[in-house]
Amino acid sequence: MRIPPGDNLPRSVCTACGSIYYENPRLVVGCVPEWQGRILLCQRAIPPRRGYWTTPAGFMENGETLQGAAARESLEEAQARVEIGSLLAITHVLHAAQVHVTFRARMFDGSFAAGLESLQVGLYEEADIPWDEIAFPSIEFALRCYFEDRRAEREELHFSDINRSLPP
């Protein structure tokens, strides 16, 4: 670890060839899919937070757009086809070196089923969401912003920072 010439942060630098290894935040992209006023949630079948609920989301792949990644995650986790809408929330998850990007989305139809990473999936009214069992603070933040905006008949972009880890 050393600060390369022209840089201001310590980096992993190869002592033989001088190549610099940059570690940058990873993008987690998802959406809040809505069908007839209800929100699609997935119960996680994988760690971290197995058994807790989330909206469809996951790591962005090389060669994808943000919107494409969000739509892919909905298909993979909930077998739901969605139309990605406006940007809803950006959460900087500082302790995990991640940025969570969440869009609003509309399901093309009411079809959904559990994908490989989900134990079960379902459509929920706001009052029926298992708030105490939401997997990640970024998802709770995005959901609360979604419902607040929907009540106010607006579509704003919201930001938050999280610097605490959760149990597995």
Foldseek 3Di string as FASTA:
>chain_A
DQADPPGDDDFDADPPPGDTDDDAAWEKAAEFEDDPQWTKKFQFCDDDLHRFIFGQIGTDDPPDDSQRRHQVSCCQAWVFGKDWDAWQEWEAAPQRNYIYTYTYIYTPHPDTFGHPGGPTMDIHHPVPHPLVRHRDPVRSVSVVSVVVCVVVVHGDYYYYYHHDDDHD
